[in-house]
Amino acid sequence: MSRDATSPSPTADSTPLRPGDKFCAIVGNETAQWRIVAVLGVRVLAERIDGIGRRSFTLRFVRHQMSPEAHVPVPPATAGATAKSDQAIDTETTDAAEQARDADASSS
């Protein structure tokens, strides 16, 4: 089987994903933090940190969400932050970043 010379090498994403790693994803209308439970081939099983629920994501999506390019600055924790929530989530900034990324993708 031959490989296309333009396709990325299997080691292009050399950072391995491990159970316990965390990432953010928008599911439905909510931005939520997720913890990796298992990596199953090209799928990643994750559970919500702040609620109940598990979901399967693609390996490519999770790697993108954990990359520096996907990082959305989060303001420092407020004085009233609880131990359950270390930082406040600015959903307006997250939504604006998502819209900007979608606009860039559709223009190219």
PDB file of N, CA and C in Angstrom:
ATOM      1  N   MET A   1       0.841  -1.171   0.000  1.00  0.00           N
ATOM      2  CA  MET A   1       0.000   0.000   0.000  1.00  0.00           C
ATOM      3  C   MET A   1       0.890   1.238   0.000  1.00  0.00           C
ATOM      4  N   SER A   2       0.657   2.157  -0.927  1.00  0.00           N
ATOM      5  CA  SER A   2       1.484   3.354  -1.005  1.00  0.00           C
ATOM      6  C   SER A   2       0.790   4.511  -0.306  1.00  0.00           C
ATOM      7  N   ARG A   3       1.616   5.409   0.204  1.00  0.00           N
ATOM      8  CA  ARG A   3       1.088   6.589   0.881  1.00  0.00           C
ATOM      9  C   ARG A   3       1.222   7.794  -0.007  1.00  0.00           C
ATOM     10  N   ASP A   4       0.269   8.674   0.036  1.00  0.00           N
ATOM     11  CA  ASP A   4       0.328   9.923  -0.698  1.00  0.00           C
ATOM     12  C   ASP A   4       1.403  10.793  -0.066  1.00  0.00           C
ATOM     13  N   ALA A   5       2.263  11.373  -0.883  1.00  0.00           N
ATOM     14  CA  ALA A   5       3.369  12.180  -0.362  1.00  0.00           C
ATOM     15  C   ALA A   5       2.881  13.433   0.350  1.00  0.00           C
ATOM     16  N   THR A   6       1.676  13.902   0.026  1.00  0.00           N
ATOM     17  CA  THR A   6       1.172  15.125   0.652  1.00  0.00           C
ATOM     18  C   THR A   6       0.463  14.869   1.969  1.00  0.00           C
ATOM     19  N   SER A   7       0.173  13.610   2.281  1.00  0.00           N
ATOM     20  CA  SER A   7      -0.529  13.328   3.534  1.00  0.00           C
ATOM     21  C   SER A   7       0.436  13.435   4.703  1.00  0.00           C
ATOM     22  N   PRO A   8      -0.038  13.880   5.856  1.00  0.00           N
ATOM     23  CA  PRO A   8       0.844  14.016   7.016  1.00  0.00           C
ATOM     24  C   PRO A   8       1.338  12.659   7.487  1.00  0.00           C
ATOM     25  N   SER A   9       2.535  12.672   8.026  1.00  0.00           N
ATOM     26  CA  SER A   9       3.096  11.419   8.527  1.00  0.00           C
ATOM     27  C   SER A   9       2.372  11.004   9.796  1.00  0.00           C
ATOM     28  N   PRO A  10       2.382   9.705  10.121  1.00  0.00           N
ATOM     29  CA  PRO A  10       1.699   9.256  11.333  1.00  0.00           C
ATOM     30  C   PRO A  10       2.254   9.894  12.595  1.00  0.00           C
ATOM     31  N   THR A  11       3.498  10.371  12.545  1.00  0.00           N
ATOM     32  CA  THR A  11       4.098  10.971  13.733  1.00  0.00           C
ATOM     33  C   THR A  11       3.923  12.485  13.766  1.00  0.00           C
ATOM     34  N   ALA A  12       3.133  13.049  12.835  1.00  0.00           N
ATOM     35  CA  ALA A  12       2.937  14.502  12.810  1.00  0.00           C
ATOM     36  C   ALA A  12       2.345  14.997  14.122  1.00  0.00           C
ATOM     37  N   ASP A  13       1.425  14.249  14.689  1.00  0.00           N
ATOM     38  CA  ASP A  13       0.868  14.580  15.998  1.00  0.00           C
ATOM     39  C   ASP A  13       1.552  13.677  17.008  1.00  0.00           C
ATOM     40  N   SER A  14       2.768  14.056  17.382  1.00  0.00           N
ATOM     41  CA  SER A  14       3.567  13.165  18.220  1.00  0.00           C
ATOM     42  C   SER A  14       3.150  13.169  19.685  1.00  0.00           C
ATOM     43  N   THR A  15       2.342  14.129  20.089  1.00  0.00           N
ATOM     44  CA  THR A  15       1.929  14.177  21.484  1.00  0.00           C
ATOM     45  C   THR A  15       0.871  13.113  21.740  1.00  0.00           C
ATOM     46  N   PRO A  16       1.197  12.127  22.557  1.00  0.00           N
ATOM     47  CA  PRO A  16       0.196  11.087  22.827  1.00  0.00           C
ATOM     48  C   PRO A  16      -0.890  11.608  23.768  1.00  0.00           C
ATOM     49  N   LEU A  17      -2.096  11.148  23.552  1.00  0.00           N
ATOM     50  CA  LEU A  17      -3.198  11.482  24.449  1.00  0.00           C
ATOM     51  C   LEU A  17      -3.301  10.378  25.478  1.00  0.00           C
ATOM     52  N   ARG A  18      -3.478  10.766  26.730  1.00  0.00           N
ATOM     53  CA  ARG A  18      -3.551   9.779  27.809  1.00  0.00           C
ATOM     54  C   ARG A  18      -4.787  10.003  28.649  1.00  0.00           C
ATOM     55  N   PRO A  19      -5.301   8.946  29.262  1.00  0.00           N
ATOM     56  CA  PRO A  19      -6.414   9.119  30.198  1.00  0.00           C
ATOM     57  C   PRO A  19      -6.045  10.155  31.261  1.00  0.00           C
ATOM     58  N   GLY A  20      -6.971  11.050  31.536  1.00  0.00           N
ATOM     59  CA  GLY A  20      -6.733  12.114  32.507  1.00  0.00           C
ATOM     60  C   GLY A  20      -6.449  13.456  31.857  1.00  0.00           C
ATOM     61  N   ASP A  21      -6.016  13.457  30.581  1.00  0.00           N
ATOM     62  CA  ASP A  21      -5.798  14.722  29.877  1.00  0.00           C
ATOM     63  C   ASP A  21      -7.136  15.448  29.745  1.00  0.00           C
ATOM     64  N   LYS A  22      -7.092  16.792  29.752  1.00  0.00           N
ATOM     65  CA  LYS A  22      -8.320  17.590  29.717  1.00  0.00           C
ATOM     66  C   LYS A  22      -8.346  18.481  28.485  1.00  0.00           C
ATOM     67  N   PHE A  23      -9.553  18.756  27.992  1.00  0.00           N
ATOM     68  CA  PHE A  23      -9.743  19.661  26.869  1.00  0.00           C
ATOM     69  C   PHE A  23     -11.137  20.272  26.964  1.00  0.00           C
ATOM     70  N   CYS A  24     -11.374  21.329  26.196  1.00  0.00           N
ATOM     71  CA  CYS A  24     -12.688  21.979  26.147  1.00  0.00           C
ATOM     72  C   CYS A  24     -13.354  21.677  24.812  1.00  0.00           C
ATOM     73  N   ALA A  25     -14.662  21.542  24.844  1.00  0.00           N
ATOM     74  CA  ALA A  25     -15.435  21.339  23.618  1.00  0.00           C
ATOM     75  C   ALA A  25     -16.829  21.906  23.814  1.00  0.00           C
ATOM     76  N   ILE A  26     -17.394  22.410  22.730  1.00  0.00           N
ATOM     77  CA  ILE A  26     -18.766  22.904  22.760  1.00  0.00           C
ATOM     78  C   ILE A  26     -19.660  21.772  22.295  1.00  0.00           C
ATOM     79  N   VAL A  27     -20.570  21.371  23.146  1.00  0.00           N
ATOM     80  CA  VAL A  27     -21.531  20.317  22.820  1.00  0.00           C
ATOM     81  C   VAL A  27     -22.913  20.914  23.038  1.00  0.00           C
ATOM     82  N   GLY A  28     -23.709  20.922  21.993  1.00  0.00           N
ATOM     83  CA  GLY A  28     -25.009  21.589  22.084  1.00  0.00           C
ATOM     84  C   GLY A  28     -24.773  23.085  22.160  1.00  0.00           C
ATOM     85  N   ASN A  29     -25.276  23.715  23.182  1.00  0.00           N
ATOM     86  CA  ASN A  29     -25.082  25.152  23.381  1.00  0.00           C
ATOM     87  C   ASN A  29     -24.141  25.455  24.527  1.00  0.00           C
ATOM     88  N   GLU A  30     -23.453  24.448  25.041  1.00  0.00           N
ATOM     89  CA  GLU A  30     -22.605  24.633  26.215  1.00  0.00           C
ATOM     90  C   GLU A  30     -21.145  24.352  25.918  1.00  0.00           C
ATOM     91  N   THR A  31     -20.274  25.179  26.510  1.00  0.00           N
ATOM     92  CA  THR A  31     -18.852  24.882  26.504  1.00  0.00           C
ATOM     93  C   THR A  31     -18.583  24.089  27.767  1.00  0.00           C
ATOM     94  N   ALA A  32     -17.944  22.950  27.615  1.00  0.00           N
ATOM     95  CA  ALA A  32     -17.686  22.101  28.776  1.00  0.00           C
ATOM     96  C   ALA A  32     -16.256  21.589  28.744  1.00  0.00           C
ATOM     97  N   GLN A  33     -15.723  21.335  29.922  1.00  0.00           N
ATOM     98  CA  GLN A  33     -14.412  20.703  30.023  1.00  0.00           C
ATOM     99  C   GLN A  33     -14.616  19.203  30.079  1.00  0.00           C
ATOM    100  N   TRP A  34     -13.734  18.479  29.391  1.00  0.00           N
ATOM    101  CA  TRP A  34     -13.822  17.030  29.290  1.00  0.00           C
ATOM    102  C   TRP A  34     -12.508  16.404  29.727  1.00  0.00           C
ATOM    103  N   ARG A  35     -12.579  15.231  30.297  1.00  0.00           N
ATOM    104  CA  ARG A  35     -11.407  14.454  30.722  1.00  0.00           C
ATOM    105  C   ARG A  35     -11.385  13.175  29.899  1.00  0.00           C
ATOM    106  N   ILE A  36     -10.235  12.866  29.308  1.00  0.00           N
ATOM    107  CA  ILE A  36     -10.103  11.652  28.503  1.00  0.00           C
ATOM    108  C   ILE A  36     -10.158  10.433  29.406  1.00  0.00           C
ATOM    109  N   VAL A  37     -11.005   9.478  29.035  1.00  0.00           N
ATOM    110  CA  VAL A  37     -11.128   8.213  29.758  1.00  0.00           C
ATOM    111  C   VAL A  37     -10.313   7.140  29.052  1.00  0.00           C
ATOM    112  N   ALA A  38     -10.426   7.084  27.718  1.00  0.00           N
ATOM    113  CA  ALA A  38      -9.710   6.068  26.948  1.00  0.00           C
ATOM    114  C   ALA A  38      -9.522   6.541  25.514  1.00  0.00           C
ATOM    115  N   VAL A  39      -8.424   6.107  24.906  1.00  0.00           N
ATOM    116  CA  VAL A  39      -8.175   6.355  23.492  1.00  0.00           C
ATOM    117  C   VAL A  39      -8.360   5.024  22.784  1.00  0.00           C
ATOM    118  N   LEU A  40      -9.332   4.985  21.881  1.00  0.00           N
ATOM    119  CA  LEU A  40      -9.709   3.744  21.207  1.00  0.00           C
ATOM    120  C   LEU A  40      -9.504   3.908  19.705  1.00  0.00           C
ATOM    121  N   GLY A  41      -8.295   3.706  19.247  1.00  0.00           N
ATOM    122  CA  GLY A  41      -8.004   3.871  17.821  1.00  0.00           C
ATOM    123  C   GLY A  41      -8.123   5.326  17.420  1.00  0.00           C
ATOM    124  N   VAL A  42      -9.071   5.631  16.526  1.00  0.00           N
ATOM    125  CA  VAL A  42      -9.271   7.010  16.073  1.00  0.00           C
ATOM    126  C   VAL A  42     -10.369   7.718  16.858  1.00  0.00           C
ATOM    127  N   ARG A  43     -10.888   7.101  17.900  1.00  0.00           N
ATOM    128  CA  ARG A  43     -11.922   7.689  18.753  1.00  0.00           C
ATOM    129  C   ARG A  43     -11.376   7.885  20.164  1.00  0.00           C
ATOM    130  N   VAL A  44     -11.898   8.898  20.841  1.00  0.00           N
ATOM    131  CA  VAL A  44     -11.510   9.201  22.218  1.00  0.00           C
ATOM    132  C   VAL A  44     -12.777   9.225  23.056  1.00  0.00           C
ATOM    133  N   LEU A  45     -12.806   8.439  24.120  1.00  0.00           N
ATOM    134  CA  LEU A  45     -13.929   8.442  25.050  1.00  0.00           C
ATOM    135  C   LEU A  45     -13.591   9.430  26.159  1.00  0.00           C
ATOM    136  N   ALA A  46     -14.505  10.380  26.401  1.00  0.00           N
ATOM    137  CA  ALA A  46     -14.260  11.408  27.413  1.00  0.00           C
ATOM    138  C   ALA A  46     -15.497  11.589  28.274  1.00  0.00           C
ATOM    139  N   GLU A  47     -15.257  12.061  29.517  1.00  0.00           N
ATOM    140  CA  GLU A  47     -16.360  12.347  30.428  1.00  0.00           C
ATOM    141  C   GLU A  47     -16.308  13.812  30.817  1.00  0.00           C
ATOM    142  N   ARG A  48     -17.488  14.391  31.049  1.00  0.00           N
ATOM    143  CA  ARG A  48     -17.559  15.790  31.471  1.00  0.00           C
ATOM    144  C   ARG A  48     -16.966  15.927  32.862  1.00  0.00           C
ATOM    145  N   ILE A  49     -16.215  16.986  33.068  1.00  0.00           N
ATOM    146  CA  ILE A  49     -15.619  17.234  34.375  1.00  0.00           C
ATOM    147  C   ILE A  49     -16.655  17.820  35.325  1.00  0.00           C
ATOM    148  N   ASP A  50     -17.494  18.729  34.826  1.00  0.00           N
ATOM    149  CA  ASP A  50     -18.427  19.447  35.692  1.00  0.00           C
ATOM    150  C   ASP A  50     -19.840  18.877  35.701  1.00  0.00           C
ATOM    151  N   GLY A  51     -20.032  17.733  35.143  1.00  0.00           N
ATOM    152  CA  GLY A  51     -21.382  17.177  35.121  1.00  0.00           C
ATOM    153  C   GLY A  51     -21.367  15.690  34.837  1.00  0.00           C
ATOM    154  N   ILE A  52     -22.527  15.193  34.502  1.00  0.00           N
ATOM    155  CA  ILE A  52     -22.650  13.774  34.219  1.00  0.00           C
ATOM    156  C   ILE A  52     -22.709  13.594  32.715  1.00  0.00           C
ATOM    157  N   GLY A  53     -21.978  12.638  32.218  1.00  0.00           N
ATOM    158  CA  GLY A  53     -22.069  12.319  30.801  1.00  0.00           C
ATOM    159  C   GLY A  53     -20.738  11.923  30.211  1.00  0.00           C
ATOM    160  N   ARG A  54     -20.817  11.019  29.265  1.00  0.00           N
ATOM    161  CA  ARG A  54     -19.652  10.599  28.499  1.00  0.00           C
ATOM    162  C   ARG A  54     -19.973  10.780  27.032  1.00  0.00           C
ATOM    163  N   ARG A  55     -18.930  10.975  26.244  1.00  0.00           N
ATOM    164  CA  ARG A  55     -19.118  11.196  24.818  1.00  0.00           C
ATOM    165  C   ARG A  55     -17.869  10.736  24.078  1.00  0.00           C
ATOM    166  N   SER A  56     -18.063  10.343  22.844  1.00  0.00           N
ATOM    167  CA  SER A  56     -16.960   9.934  21.990  1.00  0.00           C
ATOM    168  C   SER A  56     -16.616  11.077  21.038  1.00  0.00           C
ATOM    169  N   PHE A  57     -15.336  11.394  20.920  1.00  0.00           N
ATOM    170  CA  PHE A  57     -14.842  12.413  20.005  1.00  0.00           C
ATOM    171  C   PHE A  57     -13.825  11.763  19.076  1.00  0.00           C
ATOM    172  N   THR A  58     -13.558  12.397  17.934  1.00  0.00           N
ATOM    173  CA  THR A  58     -12.505  11.867  17.070  1.00  0.00           C
ATOM    174  C   THR A  58     -11.152  12.269  17.646  1.00  0.00           C
ATOM    175  N   LEU A  59     -10.163  11.447  17.387  1.00  0.00           N
ATOM    176  CA  LEU A  59      -8.806  11.707  17.850  1.00  0.00           C
ATOM    177  C   LEU A  59      -8.302  13.032  17.279  1.00  0.00           C
ATOM    178  N   ARG A  60      -8.589  13.276  16.010  1.00  0.00           N
ATOM    179  CA  ARG A  60      -8.145  14.511  15.364  1.00  0.00           C
ATOM    180  C   ARG A  60      -8.742  15.739  16.046  1.00  0.00           C
ATOM    181  N   PHE A  61     -10.039  15.702  16.386  1.00  0.00           N
ATOM    182  CA  PHE A  61     -10.696  16.820  17.054  1.00  0.00           C
ATOM    183  C   PHE A  61     -10.058  17.095  18.416  1.00  0.00           C
ATOM    184  N   VAL A  62      -9.838  16.053  19.200  1.00  0.00           N
ATOM    185  CA  VAL A  62      -9.274  16.237  20.543  1.00  0.00           C
ATOM    186  C   VAL A  62      -7.861  16.790  20.450  1.00  0.00           C
ATOM    187  N   ARG A  63      -7.060  16.279  19.512  1.00  0.00           N
ATOM    188  CA  ARG A  63      -5.698  16.816  19.347  1.00  0.00           C
ATOM    189  C   ARG A  63      -5.755  18.288  18.971  1.00  0.00           C
ATOM    190  N   HIS A  64      -6.697  18.662  18.109  1.00  0.00           N
ATOM    191  CA  HIS A  64      -6.832  20.070  17.737  1.00  0.00           C
ATOM    192  C   HIS A  64      -7.220  20.911  18.955  1.00  0.00           C
ATOM    193  N   GLN A  65      -8.181  20.433  19.732  1.00  0.00           N
ATOM    194  CA  GLN A  65      -8.635  21.180  20.908  1.00  0.00           C
ATOM    195  C   GLN A  65      -7.516  21.357  21.929  1.00  0.00           C
ATOM    196  N   MET A  66      -6.581  20.428  21.978  1.00  0.00           N
ATOM    197  CA  MET A  66      -5.483  20.510  22.940  1.00  0.00           C
ATOM    198  C   MET A  66      -4.283  21.277  22.384  1.00  0.00           C
ATOM    199  N   SER A  67      -4.338  21.672  21.102  1.00  0.00           N
ATOM    200  CA  SER A  67      -3.222  22.386  20.485  1.00  0.00           C
ATOM    201  C   SER A  67      -3.225  23.853  20.910  1.00  0.00           C
ATOM    202  N   PRO A  68      -2.066  24.506  20.845  1.00  0.00           N
ATOM    203  CA  PRO A  68      -2.004  25.929  21.217  1.00  0.00           C
ATOM    204  C   PRO A  68      -2.870  26.814  20.320  1.00  0.00           C
ATOM    205  N   GLU A  69      -3.077  26.427  19.042  1.00  0.00           N
ATOM    206  CA  GLU A  69      -3.889  27.234  18.133  1.00  0.00           C
ATOM    207  C   GLU A  69      -5.340  27.312  18.591  1.00  0.00           C
ATOM    208  N   ALA A  70      -5.821  26.287  19.268  1.00  0.00           N
ATOM    209  CA  ALA A  70      -7.218  26.253  19.712  1.00  0.00           C
ATOM    210  C   ALA A  70      -7.407  26.902  21.075  1.00  0.00           C
ATOM    211  N   HIS A  71      -6.311  27.307  21.702  1.00  0.00           N
ATOM    212  CA  HIS A  71      -6.399  27.861  23.055  1.00  0.00           C
ATOM    213  C   HIS A  71      -7.095  29.215  23.028  1.00  0.00           C
ATOM    214  N   VAL A  72      -8.123  29.356  23.823  1.00  0.00           N
ATOM    215  CA  VAL A  72      -8.832  30.620  23.993  1.00  0.00           C
ATOM    216  C   VAL A  72      -8.463  31.143  25.369  1.00  0.00           C
ATOM    217  N   PRO A  73      -7.902  32.356  25.448  1.00  0.00           N
ATOM    218  CA  PRO A  73      -7.522  32.879  26.760  1.00  0.00           C
ATOM    219  C   PRO A  73      -8.716  32.930  27.707  1.00  0.00           C
ATOM    220  N   VAL A  74      -8.493  32.462  28.904  1.00  0.00           N
ATOM    221  CA  VAL A  74      -9.540  32.464  29.924  1.00  0.00           C
ATOM    222  C   VAL A  74      -9.131  33.476  30.983  1.00  0.00           C
ATOM    223  N   PRO A  75     -10.035  34.376  31.362  1.00  0.00           N
ATOM    224  CA  PRO A  75      -9.682  35.371  32.374  1.00  0.00           C
ATOM    225  C   PRO A  75      -9.335  34.698  33.696  1.00  0.00           C
ATOM    226  N   PRO A  76      -8.540  35.371  34.533  1.00  0.00           N
ATOM    227  CA  PRO A  76      -8.185  34.783  35.828  1.00  0.00           C
ATOM    228  C   PRO A  76      -9.425  34.474  36.650  1.00  0.00           C
ATOM    229  N   ALA A  77      -9.277  33.536  37.544  1.00  0.00           N
ATOM    230  CA  ALA A  77     -10.394  33.123  38.403  1.00  0.00           C
ATOM    231  C   ALA A  77     -10.877  34.313  39.223  1.00  0.00           C
ATOM    232  N   THR A  78     -12.173  34.376  39.413  1.00  0.00           N
ATOM    233  CA  THR A  78     -12.736  35.448  40.228  1.00  0.00           C
ATOM    234  C   THR A  78     -12.497  35.132  41.697  1.00  0.00           C
ATOM    235  N   ALA A  79     -12.626  36.143  42.536  1.00  0.00           N
ATOM    236  CA  ALA A  79     -12.382  35.950  43.967  1.00  0.00           C
ATOM    237  C   ALA A  79     -13.352  34.944  44.563  1.00  0.00           C
ATOM    238  N   GLY A  80     -14.550  34.842  44.008  1.00  0.00           N
ATOM    239  CA  GLY A  80     -15.555  33.937  44.545  1.00  0.00           C
ATOM    240  C   GLY A  80     -15.546  32.561  43.899  1.00  0.00           C
ATOM    241  N   ALA A  81     -14.477  32.220  43.155  1.00  0.00           N
ATOM    242  CA  ALA A  81     -14.436  30.916  42.483  1.00  0.00           C
ATOM    243  C   ALA A  81     -14.390  29.802  43.517  1.00  0.00           C
ATOM    244  N   THR A  82     -15.103  28.750  43.240  1.00  0.00           N
ATOM    245  CA  THR A  82     -15.133  27.618  44.158  1.00  0.00           C
ATOM    246  C   THR A  82     -14.062  26.611  43.786  1.00  0.00           C
ATOM    247  N   ALA A  83     -13.833  25.646  44.648  1.00  0.00           N
ATOM    248  CA  ALA A  83     -12.854  24.597  44.378  1.00  0.00           C
ATOM    249  C   ALA A  83     -13.303  23.745  43.197  1.00  0.00           C
ATOM    250  N   LYS A  84     -14.596  23.650  42.976  1.00  0.00           N
ATOM    251  CA  LYS A  84     -15.116  22.848  41.868  1.00  0.00           C
ATOM    252  C   LYS A  84     -14.784  23.498  40.526  1.00  0.00           C
ATOM    253  N   SER A  85     -14.777  24.827  40.465  1.00  0.00           N
ATOM    254  CA  SER A  85     -14.508  25.559  39.227  1.00  0.00           C
ATOM    255  C   SER A  85     -13.317  26.475  39.450  1.00  0.00           C
ATOM    256  N   ASP A  86     -12.162  26.116  38.875  1.00  0.00           N
ATOM    257  CA  ASP A  86     -10.953  26.901  39.073  1.00  0.00           C
ATOM    258  C   ASP A  86     -11.003  28.241  38.350  1.00  0.00           C
ATOM    259  N   GLN A  87     -11.603  28.253  37.137  1.00  0.00           N
ATOM    260  CA  GLN A  87     -11.623  29.469  36.348  1.00  0.00           C
ATOM    261  C   GLN A  87     -13.009  29.689  35.771  1.00  0.00           C
ATOM    262  N   ALA A  88     -13.336  30.959  35.616  1.00  0.00           N
ATOM    263  CA  ALA A  88     -14.601  31.291  34.963  1.00  0.00           C
ATOM    264  C   ALA A  88     -14.456  31.073  33.464  1.00  0.00           C
ATOM    265  N   ILE A  89     -15.510  30.615  32.806  1.00  0.00           N
ATOM    266  CA  ILE A  89     -15.483  30.392  31.367  1.00  0.00           C
ATOM    267  C   ILE A  89     -16.201  31.548  30.703  1.00  0.00           C
ATOM    268  N   ASP A  90     -15.509  32.230  29.792  1.00  0.00           N
ATOM    269  CA  ASP A  90     -16.090  33.346  29.059  1.00  0.00           C
ATOM    270  C   ASP A  90     -16.672  32.800  27.761  1.00  0.00           C
ATOM    271  N   THR A  91     -17.961  32.511  27.768  1.00  0.00           N
ATOM    272  CA  THR A  91     -18.590  31.886  26.601  1.00  0.00           C
ATOM    273  C   THR A  91     -18.683  32.842  25.423  1.00  0.00           C
ATOM    274  N   GLU A  92     -18.754  34.152  25.663  1.00  0.00           N
ATOM    275  CA  GLU A  92     -18.812  35.100  24.553  1.00  0.00           C
ATOM    276  C   GLU A  92     -17.511  35.076  23.771  1.00  0.00           C
ATOM    277  N   THR A  93     -16.370  35.043  24.472  1.00  0.00           N
ATOM    278  CA  THR A  93     -15.075  34.971  23.805  1.00  0.00           C
ATOM    279  C   THR A  93     -14.949  33.660  23.056  1.00  0.00           C
ATOM    280  N   THR A  94     -15.393  32.572  23.665  1.00  0.00           N
ATOM    281  CA  THR A  94     -15.321  31.265  23.023  1.00  0.00           C
ATOM    282  C   THR A  94     -16.181  31.247  21.773  1.00  0.00           C
ATOM    283  N   ASP A  95     -17.404  31.781  21.845  1.00  0.00           N
ATOM    284  CA  ASP A  95     -18.288  31.824  20.685  1.00  0.00           C
ATOM    285  C   ASP A  95     -17.688  32.679  19.572  1.00  0.00           C
ATOM    286  N   ALA A  96     -17.089  33.817  19.935  1.00  0.00           N
ATOM    287  CA  ALA A  96     -16.477  34.688  18.933  1.00  0.00           C
ATOM    288  C   ALA A  96     -15.311  33.986  18.249  1.00  0.00           C
ATOM    289  N   ALA A  97     -14.523  33.247  19.010  1.00  0.00           N
ATOM    290  CA  ALA A  97     -13.398  32.510  18.435  1.00  0.00           C
ATOM    291  C   ALA A  97     -13.896  31.421  17.494  1.00  0.00           C
ATOM    292  N   GLU A  98     -14.963  30.732  17.873  1.00  0.00           N
ATOM    293  CA  GLU A  98     -15.552  29.691  17.015  1.00  0.00           C
ATOM    294  C   GLU A  98     -16.059  30.309  15.712  1.00  0.00           C
ATOM    295  N   GLN A  99     -16.739  31.458  15.794  1.00  0.00           N
ATOM    296  CA  GLN A  99     -17.275  32.102  14.599  1.00  0.00           C
ATOM    297  C   GLN A  99     -16.149  32.574  13.689  1.00  0.00           C
ATOM    298  N   ALA A 100     -15.086  33.114  14.265  1.00  0.00           N
ATOM    299  CA  ALA A 100     -13.946  33.565  13.466  1.00  0.00           C
ATOM    300  C   ALA A 100     -13.287  32.385  12.765  1.00  0.00           C
ATOM    301  N   ARG A 101     -13.134  31.267  13.467  1.00  0.00           N
ATOM    302  CA  ARG A 101     -12.523  30.075  12.875  1.00  0.00           C
ATOM    303  C   ARG A 101     -13.409  29.531  11.753  1.00  0.00           C
ATOM    304  N   ASP A 102     -14.726  29.527  11.955  1.00  0.00           N
ATOM    305  CA  ASP A 102     -15.644  29.062  10.915  1.00  0.00           C
ATOM    306  C   ASP A 102     -15.585  29.968   9.686  1.00  0.00           C
ATOM    307  N   ALA A 103     -15.486  31.283   9.899  1.00  0.00           N
ATOM    308  CA  ALA A 103     -15.411  32.226   8.786  1.00  0.00           C
ATOM    309  C   ALA A 103     -14.120  32.015   7.997  1.00  0.00           C
ATOM    310  N   ASP A 104     -13.001  31.781   8.695  1.00  0.00           N
ATOM    311  CA  ASP A 104     -11.729  31.520   8.022  1.00  0.00           C
ATOM    312  C   ASP A 104     -11.798  30.237   7.207  1.00  0.00           C
ATOM    313  N   ALA A 105     -12.430  29.225   7.747  1.00  0.00           N
ATOM    314  CA  ALA A 105     -12.526  27.936   7.062  1.00  0.00           C
ATOM    315  C   ALA A 105     -13.400  28.041   5.819  1.00  0.00           C
ATOM    316  N   SER A 106     -14.478  28.819   5.886  1.00  0.00           N
ATOM    317  CA  SER A 106     -15.382  28.922   4.739  1.00  0.00           C
ATOM    318  C   SER A 106     -14.808  29.810   3.638  1.00  0.00           C
ATOM    319  N   SER A 107     -13.907  30.733   3.981  1.00  0.00           N
ATOM    320  CA  SER A 107     -13.334  31.623   2.970  1.00  0.00           C
ATOM    321  C   SER A 107     -12.204  30.962   2.198  1.00  0.00           C
ATOM    322  N   SER A 108     -11.644  29.888   2.721  1.00  0.00           N
ATOM    323  CA  SER A 108     -10.534  29.236   2.010  1.00  0.00           C
ATOM    324  C   SER A 108     -10.975  28.067   1.192  1.00  0.00           C
TER     325      SER A 108
END
